Amino acid sequence: MSNSIVTLAKTAFKDFQQGLATGEWEPFLERLTDDFTFWFPVGSYQGENVGKAKAKEFFNYVSQTAFPQGLSVTINRITNSENTVVFELKSEGELFSHPYINQVAISFDFRGDHICGYREYLGILYQIKPQA
């Protein structure tokens, strides 16, 4: 197991986590390569997306539209290969003003000290029904 890539990924993840919680994405975006690609499974960003500008647009959408109250994520497990680190997460918040809990896996691909790729895999979406 390469400790250096895991250490780098954990540091980048803190910026990612902060972006989800507060909408402040600049520290995370600074970690991306200019040719950064990301893959998302649903919605208007479904499939592969290319470029740092597109990433900024996506992450701002996440914070401003989908989760304006912020999203909390907790790491359950970390797995890695030579250039990729996968985080299995529990996420909680309000999605479009509805209570939300989910299991998610995300991966960061690295080129040097920068993230060149991101992929997200969602579990079965579970929304908590409000109590009467």
C-alpha atoms as a PDB file:
ATOM      1  CA  MET A   1       0.000   0.000   0.000  1.00  0.00           C
ATOM      2  CA  SER A   2       1.374   3.353  -1.001  1.00  0.00           C
ATOM      3  CA  ASN A   3       1.184   5.601   2.031  1.00  0.00           C
ATOM      4  CA  SER A   4       2.101   8.725   0.059  1.00  0.00           C
ATOM      5  CA  ILE A   5      -0.915   8.550  -2.293  1.00  0.00           C
ATOM      6  CA  VAL A   6      -3.248   7.813   0.637  1.00  0.00           C
ATOM      7  CA  THR A   7      -1.827  10.763   2.586  1.00  0.00           C
ATOM      8  CA  LEU A   8      -2.217  13.019  -0.469  1.00  0.00           C
ATOM      9  CA  ALA A   9      -5.770  11.769  -1.034  1.00  0.00           C
ATOM     10  CA  LYS A  10      -6.767  12.283   2.608  1.00  0.00           C
ATOM     11  CA  THR A  11      -5.535  15.869   2.441  1.00  0.00           C
ATOM     12  CA  ALA A  12      -7.463  16.456  -0.802  1.00  0.00           C
ATOM     13  CA  PHE A  13     -10.509  14.773   0.715  1.00  0.00           C
ATOM     14  CA  LYS A  14     -10.539  17.313   3.566  1.00  0.00           C
ATOM     15  CA  ASP A  15     -10.902  20.088   0.968  1.00  0.00           C
ATOM     16  CA  PHE A  16     -13.607  18.056  -0.809  1.00  0.00           C
ATOM     17  CA  GLN A  17     -15.428  17.500   2.492  1.00  0.00           C
ATOM     18  CA  GLN A  18     -15.200  21.220   3.307  1.00  0.00           C
ATOM     19  CA  GLY A  19     -16.647  22.065  -0.104  1.00  0.00           C
ATOM     20  CA  LEU A  20     -19.619  19.780   0.491  1.00  0.00           C
ATOM     21  CA  ALA A  21     -20.222  21.203   3.960  1.00  0.00           C
ATOM     22  CA  THR A  22     -19.807  24.911   3.172  1.00  0.00           C
ATOM     23  CA  GLY A  23     -19.846  25.447  -0.605  1.00  0.00           C
ATOM     24  CA  GLU A  24     -16.244  26.732  -0.484  1.00  0.00           C
ATOM     25  CA  TRP A  25     -14.692  24.739  -3.354  1.00  0.00           C
ATOM     26  CA  GLU A  26     -11.592  26.785  -4.259  1.00  0.00           C
ATOM     27  CA  PRO A  27      -9.084  24.780  -2.153  1.00  0.00           C
ATOM     28  CA  PHE A  28     -10.327  21.548  -3.748  1.00  0.00           C
ATOM     29  CA  LEU A  29     -10.469  23.026  -7.258  1.00  0.00           C
ATOM     30  CA  GLU A  30      -6.832  24.155  -6.911  1.00  0.00           C
ATOM     31  CA  ARG A  31      -5.893  20.471  -6.573  1.00  0.00           C
ATOM     32  CA  LEU A  32      -7.307  19.592 -10.025  1.00  0.00           C
ATOM     33  CA  THR A  33      -5.391  19.311 -13.280  1.00  0.00           C
ATOM     34  CA  ASP A  34      -6.558  21.533 -16.147  1.00  0.00           C
ATOM     35  CA  ASP A  35      -7.647  18.434 -18.099  1.00  0.00           C
ATOM     36  CA  PHE A  36      -9.501  17.001 -15.086  1.00  0.00           C
ATOM     37  CA  THR A  37     -12.321  14.571 -15.916  1.00  0.00           C
ATOM     38  CA  PHE A  38     -15.201  13.499 -13.739  1.00  0.00           C
ATOM     39  CA  TRP A  39     -17.892  10.888 -14.069  1.00  0.00           C
ATOM     40  CA  PHE A  40     -21.261  11.223 -12.360  1.00  0.00           C
ATOM     41  CA  PRO A  41     -24.066   8.634 -12.530  1.00  0.00           C
ATOM     42  CA  VAL A  42     -27.256  10.755 -12.734  1.00  0.00           C
ATOM     43  CA  GLY A  43     -28.812  14.077 -13.691  1.00  0.00           C
ATOM     44  CA  SER A  44     -27.583  16.763 -16.047  1.00  0.00           C
ATOM     45  CA  TYR A  45     -23.934  15.880 -15.337  1.00  0.00           C
ATOM     46  CA  GLN A  46     -24.458  12.171 -16.026  1.00  0.00           C
ATOM     47  CA  GLY A  47     -21.521  10.506 -17.738  1.00  0.00           C
ATOM     48  CA  GLU A  48     -18.049  11.851 -18.338  1.00  0.00           C
ATOM     49  CA  ASN A  49     -17.367  15.572 -18.016  1.00  0.00           C
ATOM     50  CA  VAL A  50     -14.106  17.267 -18.965  1.00  0.00           C
ATOM     51  CA  GLY A  51     -12.256  20.319 -17.707  1.00  0.00           C
ATOM     52  CA  LYS A  52     -11.677  22.275 -14.548  1.00  0.00           C
ATOM     53  CA  ALA A  53     -14.335  24.849 -15.530  1.00  0.00           C
ATOM     54  CA  LYS A  54     -16.947  22.091 -15.872  1.00  0.00           C
ATOM     55  CA  ALA A  55     -15.886  20.718 -12.467  1.00  0.00           C
ATOM     56  CA  LYS A  56     -16.344  24.152 -10.884  1.00  0.00           C
ATOM     57  CA  GLU A  57     -19.808  24.397 -12.452  1.00  0.00           C
ATOM     58  CA  PHE A  58     -20.719  20.903 -11.141  1.00  0.00           C
ATOM     59  CA  PHE A  59     -19.480  21.393  -7.580  1.00  0.00           C
ATOM     60  CA  ASN A  60     -21.176  24.793  -7.354  1.00  0.00           C
ATOM     61  CA  TYR A  61     -24.418  23.146  -8.543  1.00  0.00           C
ATOM     62  CA  VAL A  62     -24.025  20.528  -5.793  1.00  0.00           C
ATOM     63  CA  SER A  63     -23.654  23.224  -3.129  1.00  0.00           C
ATOM     64  CA  GLN A  64     -26.027  25.883  -4.411  1.00  0.00           C
ATOM     65  CA  THR A  65     -28.860  23.770  -5.824  1.00  0.00           C
ATOM     66  CA  ALA A  66     -28.809  20.165  -4.603  1.00  0.00           C
ATOM     67  CA  PHE A  67     -27.473  20.623  -1.048  1.00  0.00           C
ATOM     68  CA  PRO A  68     -27.700  24.336  -0.155  1.00  0.00           C
ATOM     69  CA  GLN A  69     -27.675  23.451   3.573  1.00  0.00           C
ATOM     70  CA  GLY A  70     -24.457  21.474   3.070  1.00  0.00           C
ATOM     71  CA  LEU A  71     -23.740  17.759   2.946  1.00  0.00           C
ATOM     72  CA  SER A  72     -21.932  15.862   5.679  1.00  0.00           C
ATOM     73  CA  VAL A  73     -19.777  12.887   4.678  1.00  0.00           C
ATOM     74  CA  THR A  74     -18.101  10.284   6.863  1.00  0.00           C
ATOM     75  CA  ILE A  75     -15.424   7.910   5.581  1.00  0.00           C
ATOM     76  CA  ASN A  76     -16.229   4.236   6.120  1.00  0.00           C
ATOM     77  CA  ARG A  77     -13.295   2.752   4.180  1.00  0.00           C
ATOM     78  CA  ILE A  78     -10.346   3.755   2.008  1.00  0.00           C
ATOM     79  CA  THR A  79      -8.891   1.537  -0.717  1.00  0.00           C
ATOM     80  CA  ASN A  80      -6.077   2.420  -3.088  1.00  0.00           C
ATOM     81  CA  SER A  81      -3.946   1.368  -6.020  1.00  0.00           C
ATOM     82  CA  GLU A  82      -0.850   3.083  -7.381  1.00  0.00           C
ATOM     83  CA  ASN A  83      -2.656   6.184  -8.741  1.00  0.00           C
ATOM     84  CA  THR A  84      -6.235   5.878  -7.459  1.00  0.00           C
ATOM     85  CA  VAL A  85      -7.810   6.198  -4.021  1.00  0.00           C
ATOM     86  CA  VAL A  86     -11.404   5.118  -3.370  1.00  0.00           C
ATOM     87  CA  PHE A  87     -13.393   6.451  -0.429  1.00  0.00           C
ATOM     88  CA  GLU A  88     -16.540   4.658   0.717  1.00  0.00           C
ATOM     89  CA  LEU A  89     -18.727   7.240   2.440  1.00  0.00           C
ATOM     90  CA  LYS A  90     -21.910   7.768   4.349  1.00  0.00           C
ATOM     91  CA  SER A  91     -23.515  11.051   3.324  1.00  0.00           C
ATOM     92  CA  GLU A  92     -26.255  12.971   5.126  1.00  0.00           C
ATOM     93  CA  GLY A  93     -28.031  16.218   4.463  1.00  0.00           C
ATOM     94  CA  GLU A  94     -31.023  17.662   2.692  1.00  0.00           C
ATOM     95  CA  LEU A  95     -31.308  16.986  -1.044  1.00  0.00           C
ATOM     96  CA  PHE A  96     -33.598  19.558  -2.683  1.00  0.00           C
ATOM     97  CA  SER A  97     -34.996  20.301   0.809  1.00  0.00           C
ATOM     98  CA  HIS A  98     -35.740  16.619   1.577  1.00  0.00           C
ATOM     99  CA  PRO A  99     -33.872  14.607   4.245  1.00  0.00           C
ATOM    100  CA  TYR A 100     -31.176  12.459   2.628  1.00  0.00           C
ATOM    101  CA  ILE A 101     -28.909   9.595   3.702  1.00  0.00           C
ATOM    102  CA  ASN A 102     -26.839   7.562   1.271  1.00  0.00           C
ATOM    103  CA  GLN A 103     -23.858   5.261   0.857  1.00  0.00           C
ATOM    104  CA  VAL A 104     -21.482   6.535  -1.805  1.00  0.00           C
ATOM    105  CA  ALA A 105     -18.122   5.567  -3.262  1.00  0.00           C
ATOM    106  CA  ILE A 106     -15.910   8.221  -4.848  1.00  0.00           C
ATOM    107  CA  SER A 107     -12.488   7.873  -6.384  1.00  0.00           C
ATOM    108  CA  PHE A 108      -9.672  10.310  -6.986  1.00  0.00           C
ATOM    109  CA  ASP A 109      -7.151   9.544  -9.749  1.00  0.00           C
ATOM    110  CA  PHE A 110      -3.803  11.281  -9.317  1.00  0.00           C
ATOM    111  CA  ARG A 111      -1.173  12.520 -11.723  1.00  0.00           C
ATOM    112  CA  GLY A 112       1.686  13.710  -9.577  1.00  0.00           C
ATOM    113  CA  ASP A 113       0.276  15.787  -6.725  1.00  0.00           C
ATOM    114  CA  HIS A 114      -2.920  16.757  -8.556  1.00  0.00           C
ATOM    115  CA  ILE A 115      -6.262  15.051  -9.078  1.00  0.00           C
ATOM    116  CA  CYS A 116      -6.810  14.289 -12.753  1.00  0.00           C
ATOM    117  CA  GLY A 117     -10.016  12.252 -12.377  1.00  0.00           C
ATOM    118  CA  TYR A 118     -13.016  11.815 -10.113  1.00  0.00           C
ATOM    119  CA  ARG A 119     -15.776   9.218 -10.236  1.00  0.00           C
ATOM    120  CA  GLU A 120     -18.827   8.908  -8.017  1.00  0.00           C
ATOM    121  CA  TYR A 121     -20.998   5.852  -7.461  1.00  0.00           C
ATOM    122  CA  LEU A 122     -24.263   6.180  -5.543  1.00  0.00           C
ATOM    123  CA  GLY A 123     -25.941   3.557  -3.405  1.00  0.00           C
ATOM    124  CA  ILE A 124     -29.688   3.251  -3.371  1.00  0.00           C
ATOM    125  CA  LEU A 125     -31.010   6.684  -2.631  1.00  0.00           C
ATOM    126  CA  TYR A 126     -32.781   6.751   0.709  1.00  0.00           C
ATOM    127  CA  GLN A 127     -34.763   9.714   1.882  1.00  0.00           C
ATOM    128  CA  ILE A 128     -36.070   9.787   5.414  1.00  0.00           C
ATOM    129  CA  LYS A 129     -39.780  10.415   5.556  1.00  0.00           C
ATOM    130  CA  PRO A 130     -40.759  13.254   7.877  1.00  0.00           C
ATOM    131  CA  GLN A 131     -42.404  12.109  11.081  1.00  0.00           C
ATOM    132  CA  ALA A 132     -46.051  13.021  11.488  1.00  0.00           C
END
